[in-house]
Amino acid sequence: FRPIPGTSPIHRLWAGTKLVLLVIIAVVVGFDPAWPVLAAGAALVLLGAVVGHIPRGSLPRLPKWLFVGVVLAALLALRSTAKPIGHVAGVPLSWGGLENFALVMCVALEVFAAAALLSWTTMQAEVAPALSALGRPLRWLRLPVDEWAAGIALSIRCFPLFVDEVRTVIA
């Protein structure tokens, strides 16, 4: 993910605000994965993408094997024992298991989309100072906040290099 240039209100937000919003979305949908909560979170992320002028072409192109894996996992979820259980051609299928699987997939997709929105609208150089400022209360506990922020910033900067190296090794 590379930042998308722009001057939208989302781009102008402080990086710490976007990080806090990302954590709030992840915690809320993670602790209460219900359809209304997921719909509200998805609406918030979609609103951020529209206000941030994120083009459709910036979405990643996922490999086909990922979709095959999701379908296989959904088929396995159908064979679980979560209720309600229905029968199709004499085969018991767990509709509750399929719904739970769909909830988990939607939570993962929503958190991924919120993180992508953060990365598309935030320059990498803004993340470390924001993490350092947000972690200021942890300094009272004598925790190495600045070192953590620097480590995370280095990880973010090196991630594209890591992806390129993995592609080279796979090739």
C-alpha atoms as a PDB file:
ATOM      1  CA  PHE A   1       0.000   0.000   0.000  1.00  0.00           C
ATOM      2  CA  ARG A   2       1.254   3.372  -0.997  1.00  0.00           C
ATOM      3  CA  PRO A   3      -0.218   6.715   0.066  1.00  0.00           C
ATOM      4  CA  ILE A   4      -2.572   8.202  -2.486  1.00  0.00           C
ATOM      5  CA  PRO A   5      -1.846  11.908  -2.925  1.00  0.00           C
ATOM      6  CA  GLY A   6      -4.677  14.222  -2.103  1.00  0.00           C
ATOM      7  CA  THR A   7      -5.931  17.122  -0.043  1.00  0.00           C
ATOM      8  CA  SER A   8      -9.161  15.622   1.253  1.00  0.00           C
ATOM      9  CA  PRO A   9     -10.307  16.052   4.863  1.00  0.00           C
ATOM     10  CA  ILE A  10      -9.210  12.458   5.539  1.00  0.00           C
ATOM     11  CA  HIS A  11      -5.715  13.207   4.217  1.00  0.00           C
ATOM     12  CA  ARG A  12      -5.489  16.294   6.451  1.00  0.00           C
ATOM     13  CA  LEU A  13      -6.440  14.431   9.639  1.00  0.00           C
ATOM     14  CA  TRP A  14      -3.642  13.882  12.130  1.00  0.00           C
ATOM     15  CA  ALA A  15      -2.216  10.364  11.821  1.00  0.00           C
ATOM     16  CA  GLY A  16      -2.936   9.715  15.505  1.00  0.00           C
ATOM     17  CA  THR A  17      -6.634  10.374  14.963  1.00  0.00           C
ATOM     18  CA  LYS A  18      -6.721   7.848  12.136  1.00  0.00           C
ATOM     19  CA  LEU A  19      -4.820   5.301  14.249  1.00  0.00           C
ATOM     20  CA  VAL A  20      -7.262   5.732  17.139  1.00  0.00           C
ATOM     21  CA  LEU A  21     -10.224   5.338  14.775  1.00  0.00           C
ATOM     22  CA  LEU A  22      -8.672   2.172  13.327  1.00  0.00           C
ATOM     23  CA  VAL A  23      -8.229   0.702  16.802  1.00  0.00           C
ATOM     24  CA  ILE A  24     -11.795   1.652  17.768  1.00  0.00           C
ATOM     25  CA  ILE A  25     -13.231   0.009  14.656  1.00  0.00           C
ATOM     26  CA  ALA A  26     -11.149  -3.136  15.197  1.00  0.00           C
ATOM     27  CA  VAL A  27     -12.087  -3.419  18.879  1.00  0.00           C
ATOM     28  CA  VAL A  28     -15.803  -2.746  18.383  1.00  0.00           C
ATOM     29  CA  VAL A  29     -16.291  -5.178  15.509  1.00  0.00           C
ATOM     30  CA  GLY A  30     -13.962  -7.690  17.161  1.00  0.00           C
ATOM     31  CA  PHE A  31     -15.791  -7.774  20.481  1.00  0.00           C
ATOM     32  CA  ASP A  32     -19.328  -7.514  19.124  1.00  0.00           C
ATOM     33  CA  PRO A  33     -19.379  -9.105  15.664  1.00  0.00           C
ATOM     34  CA  ALA A  34     -23.074  -8.624  14.942  1.00  0.00           C
ATOM     35  CA  TRP A  35     -24.502  -7.665  11.582  1.00  0.00           C
ATOM     36  CA  PRO A  36     -25.701  -4.171  12.645  1.00  0.00           C
ATOM     37  CA  VAL A  37     -22.281  -3.382  14.156  1.00  0.00           C
ATOM     38  CA  LEU A  38     -20.513  -4.615  11.041  1.00  0.00           C
ATOM     39  CA  ALA A  39     -22.853  -2.564   8.836  1.00  0.00           C
ATOM     40  CA  ALA A  40     -22.124   0.588  10.855  1.00  0.00           C
ATOM     41  CA  GLY A  41     -18.372  -0.028  10.693  1.00  0.00           C
ATOM     42  CA  ALA A  42     -18.521  -0.734   6.953  1.00  0.00           C
ATOM     43  CA  ALA A  43     -20.500   2.460   6.423  1.00  0.00           C
ATOM     44  CA  LEU A  44     -17.863   4.411   8.364  1.00  0.00           C
ATOM     45  CA  VAL A  45     -15.013   2.922   6.314  1.00  0.00           C
ATOM     46  CA  LEU A  46     -16.901   3.491   3.060  1.00  0.00           C
ATOM     47  CA  LEU A  47     -17.622   7.088   4.048  1.00  0.00           C
ATOM     48  CA  GLY A  48     -13.913   7.572   4.753  1.00  0.00           C
ATOM     49  CA  ALA A  49     -13.031   6.164   1.331  1.00  0.00           C
ATOM     50  CA  VAL A  50     -15.539   8.448  -0.400  1.00  0.00           C
ATOM     51  CA  VAL A  51     -14.453  11.554   1.530  1.00  0.00           C
ATOM     52  CA  GLY A  52     -10.783  10.600   1.000  1.00  0.00           C
ATOM     53  CA  HIS A  53     -11.317  10.309  -2.774  1.00  0.00           C
ATOM     54  CA  ILE A  54      -9.853   6.797  -2.888  1.00  0.00           C
ATOM     55  CA  PRO A  55     -10.038   5.520  -6.480  1.00  0.00           C
ATOM     56  CA  ARG A  56     -11.401   2.051  -7.170  1.00  0.00           C
ATOM     57  CA  GLY A  57      -8.169   1.123  -8.932  1.00  0.00           C
ATOM     58  CA  SER A  58      -6.234   1.365  -5.668  1.00  0.00           C
ATOM     59  CA  LEU A  59      -7.870  -1.813  -4.361  1.00  0.00           C
ATOM     60  CA  PRO A  60      -5.429  -4.734  -4.286  1.00  0.00           C
ATOM     61  CA  ARG A  61      -5.810  -7.565  -6.774  1.00  0.00           C
ATOM     62  CA  LEU A  62      -6.134 -10.680  -4.688  1.00  0.00           C
ATOM     63  CA  PRO A  63      -4.825 -14.016  -5.980  1.00  0.00           C
ATOM     64  CA  LYS A  64      -7.265 -16.714  -7.096  1.00  0.00           C
ATOM     65  CA  TRP A  65      -5.952 -19.201  -4.538  1.00  0.00           C
ATOM     66  CA  LEU A  66      -7.215 -16.910  -1.782  1.00  0.00           C
ATOM     67  CA  PHE A  67     -10.773 -17.137  -3.112  1.00  0.00           C
ATOM     68  CA  VAL A  68     -10.445 -20.921  -3.423  1.00  0.00           C
ATOM     69  CA  GLY A  69      -9.331 -21.056   0.220  1.00  0.00           C
ATOM     70  CA  VAL A  70     -12.292 -18.951   1.335  1.00  0.00           C
ATOM     71  CA  VAL A  71     -14.731 -21.208  -0.522  1.00  0.00           C
ATOM     72  CA  LEU A  72     -13.135 -24.323   1.009  1.00  0.00           C
ATOM     73  CA  ALA A  73     -13.341 -22.774   4.474  1.00  0.00           C
ATOM     74  CA  ALA A  74     -17.023 -21.923   3.887  1.00  0.00           C
ATOM     75  CA  LEU A  75     -17.679 -25.532   2.878  1.00  0.00           C
ATOM     76  CA  LEU A  76     -15.987 -26.723   6.057  1.00  0.00           C
ATOM     77  CA  ALA A  77     -18.102 -24.276   8.066  1.00  0.00           C
ATOM     78  CA  LEU A  78     -21.203 -25.866   6.546  1.00  0.00           C
ATOM     79  CA  ARG A  79     -20.126 -29.171   8.071  1.00  0.00           C
ATOM     80  CA  SER A  80     -19.864 -27.793  11.621  1.00  0.00           C
ATOM     81  CA  THR A  81     -22.379 -28.461  14.388  1.00  0.00           C
ATOM     82  CA  ALA A  82     -23.539 -24.879  14.993  1.00  0.00           C
ATOM     83  CA  LYS A  83     -27.320 -24.564  14.958  1.00  0.00           C
ATOM     84  CA  PRO A  84     -29.532 -24.216  12.983  1.00  0.00           C
ATOM     85  CA  ILE A  85     -28.799 -27.327  11.005  1.00  0.00           C
ATOM     86  CA  GLY A  86     -30.652 -28.041   7.789  1.00  0.00           C
ATOM     87  CA  HIS A  87     -30.667 -31.007   5.468  1.00  0.00           C
ATOM     88  CA  VAL A  88     -30.047 -30.850   1.737  1.00  0.00           C
ATOM     89  CA  ALA A  89     -30.348 -34.155  -0.139  1.00  0.00           C
ATOM     90  CA  GLY A  90     -30.018 -35.960   3.184  1.00  0.00           C
ATOM     91  CA  VAL A  91     -26.750 -34.209   4.084  1.00  0.00           C
ATOM     92  CA  PRO A  92     -26.803 -32.176   7.319  1.00  0.00           C
ATOM     93  CA  LEU A  93     -25.545 -28.605   6.760  1.00  0.00           C
ATOM     94  CA  SER A  94     -24.879 -26.037   9.460  1.00  0.00           C
ATOM     95  CA  TRP A  95     -26.382 -22.701   8.503  1.00  0.00           C
ATOM     96  CA  GLY A  96     -25.240 -21.327  11.861  1.00  0.00           C
ATOM     97  CA  GLY A  97     -21.665 -22.344  11.079  1.00  0.00           C
ATOM     98  CA  LEU A  98     -21.878 -20.634   7.708  1.00  0.00           C
ATOM     99  CA  GLU A  99     -23.212 -17.464   9.355  1.00  0.00           C
ATOM    100  CA  ASN A 100     -20.376 -17.509  11.919  1.00  0.00           C
ATOM    101  CA  PHE A 101     -17.875 -17.949   9.105  1.00  0.00           C
ATOM    102  CA  ALA A 102     -19.428 -15.020   7.221  1.00  0.00           C
ATOM    103  CA  LEU A 103     -19.222 -12.857  10.357  1.00  0.00           C
ATOM    104  CA  VAL A 104     -15.535 -13.669  10.843  1.00  0.00           C
ATOM    105  CA  MET A 105     -14.787 -12.965   7.185  1.00  0.00           C
ATOM    106  CA  CYS A 106     -16.650  -9.638   7.349  1.00  0.00           C
ATOM    107  CA  VAL A 107     -14.770  -8.613  10.511  1.00  0.00           C
ATOM    108  CA  ALA A 108     -11.442  -9.422   8.841  1.00  0.00           C
ATOM    109  CA  LEU A 109     -12.415  -7.620   5.648  1.00  0.00           C
ATOM    110  CA  GLU A 110     -13.603  -4.547   7.539  1.00  0.00           C
ATOM    111  CA  VAL A 111     -10.451  -4.245   9.657  1.00  0.00           C
ATOM    112  CA  PHE A 112      -8.339  -4.800   6.536  1.00  0.00           C
ATOM    113  CA  ALA A 113     -10.278  -2.082   4.683  1.00  0.00           C
ATOM    114  CA  ALA A 114      -9.887   0.358   7.584  1.00  0.00           C
ATOM    115  CA  ALA A 115      -6.133  -0.320   7.721  1.00  0.00           C
ATOM    116  CA  ALA A 116      -5.909   0.146   3.948  1.00  0.00           C
ATOM    117  CA  LEU A 117      -7.734   3.463   4.235  1.00  0.00           C
ATOM    118  CA  LEU A 118      -5.228   4.538   6.887  1.00  0.00           C
ATOM    119  CA  SER A 119      -2.280   3.569   4.702  1.00  0.00           C
ATOM    120  CA  TRP A 120      -3.728   5.269   1.605  1.00  0.00           C
ATOM    121  CA  THR A 121      -4.311   8.577   3.384  1.00  0.00           C
ATOM    122  CA  THR A 122      -1.304   8.792   5.723  1.00  0.00           C
ATOM    123  CA  MET A 123       2.330   9.433   4.877  1.00  0.00           C
ATOM    124  CA  GLN A 124       4.711   6.933   6.442  1.00  0.00           C
ATOM    125  CA  ALA A 125       6.731   9.684   8.103  1.00  0.00           C
ATOM    126  CA  GLU A 126       3.662  10.770  10.110  1.00  0.00           C
ATOM    127  CA  VAL A 127       3.097   7.395  11.799  1.00  0.00           C
ATOM    128  CA  ALA A 128       6.079   7.311  14.206  1.00  0.00           C
ATOM    129  CA  PRO A 129       5.451  10.772  15.721  1.00  0.00           C
ATOM    130  CA  ALA A 130       1.756   9.932  16.093  1.00  0.00           C
ATOM    131  CA  LEU A 131       2.536   6.636  17.844  1.00  0.00           C
ATOM    132  CA  SER A 132       5.013   8.398  20.082  1.00  0.00           C
ATOM    133  CA  ALA A 133       2.432  11.047  21.035  1.00  0.00           C
ATOM    134  CA  LEU A 134      -0.317   8.456  21.591  1.00  0.00           C
ATOM    135  CA  GLY A 135       1.993   6.369  23.755  1.00  0.00           C
ATOM    136  CA  ARG A 136       2.998   9.282  25.972  1.00  0.00           C
ATOM    137  CA  PRO A 137       0.957   8.011  28.974  1.00  0.00           C
ATOM    138  CA  LEU A 138       2.877   4.720  28.822  1.00  0.00           C
ATOM    139  CA  ARG A 139       6.094   6.601  29.568  1.00  0.00           C
ATOM    140  CA  TRP A 140       4.869   7.032  33.129  1.00  0.00           C
ATOM    141  CA  LEU A 141       5.210   3.258  33.434  1.00  0.00           C
ATOM    142  CA  ARG A 142       8.779   3.557  32.102  1.00  0.00           C
ATOM    143  CA  LEU A 143       7.944   1.705  28.899  1.00  0.00           C
ATOM    144  CA  PRO A 144      10.150   2.345  25.820  1.00  0.00           C
ATOM    145  CA  VAL A 145       7.496   4.114  23.753  1.00  0.00           C
ATOM    146  CA  ASP A 146       9.931   5.925  21.450  1.00  0.00           C
ATOM    147  CA  GLU A 147      11.779   2.698  20.647  1.00  0.00           C
ATOM    148  CA  TRP A 148       8.475   0.946  19.874  1.00  0.00           C
ATOM    149  CA  ALA A 149       7.396   3.814  17.629  1.00  0.00           C
ATOM    150  CA  ALA A 150      10.737   3.730  15.793  1.00  0.00           C
ATOM    151  CA  GLY A 151      10.510  -0.057  15.387  1.00  0.00           C
ATOM    152  CA  ILE A 152       6.992   0.152  13.986  1.00  0.00           C
ATOM    153  CA  ALA A 153       8.016   2.967  11.635  1.00  0.00           C
ATOM    154  CA  LEU A 154      10.946   0.904  10.350  1.00  0.00           C
ATOM    155  CA  SER A 155       8.674  -2.097   9.880  1.00  0.00           C
ATOM    156  CA  ILE A 156       6.216  -0.032   7.865  1.00  0.00           C
ATOM    157  CA  ARG A 157       9.002   1.368   5.680  1.00  0.00           C
ATOM    158  CA  CYS A 158      10.549  -2.056   5.090  1.00  0.00           C
ATOM    159  CA  PHE A 159       7.317  -3.909   4.339  1.00  0.00           C
ATOM    160  CA  PRO A 160       7.354  -3.104   0.582  1.00  0.00           C
ATOM    161  CA  LEU A 161      10.945  -4.388   0.417  1.00  0.00           C
ATOM    162  CA  PHE A 162       9.877  -7.577   2.174  1.00  0.00           C
ATOM    163  CA  VAL A 163       7.016  -8.090  -0.302  1.00  0.00           C
ATOM    164  CA  ASP A 164       9.410  -7.612  -3.235  1.00  0.00           C
ATOM    165  CA  GLU A 165      11.847 -10.147  -1.771  1.00  0.00           C
ATOM    166  CA  VAL A 166       9.062 -12.696  -1.244  1.00  0.00           C
ATOM    167  CA  ARG A 167       7.964 -12.253  -4.852  1.00  0.00           C
ATOM    168  CA  THR A 168      11.556 -12.788  -5.972  1.00  0.00           C
ATOM    169  CA  VAL A 169      11.910 -15.959  -3.913  1.00  0.00           C
ATOM    170  CA  ILE A 170       8.588 -17.319  -5.209  1.00  0.00           C
ATOM    171  CA  ALA A 171       9.625 -16.596  -8.808  1.00  0.00           C
END
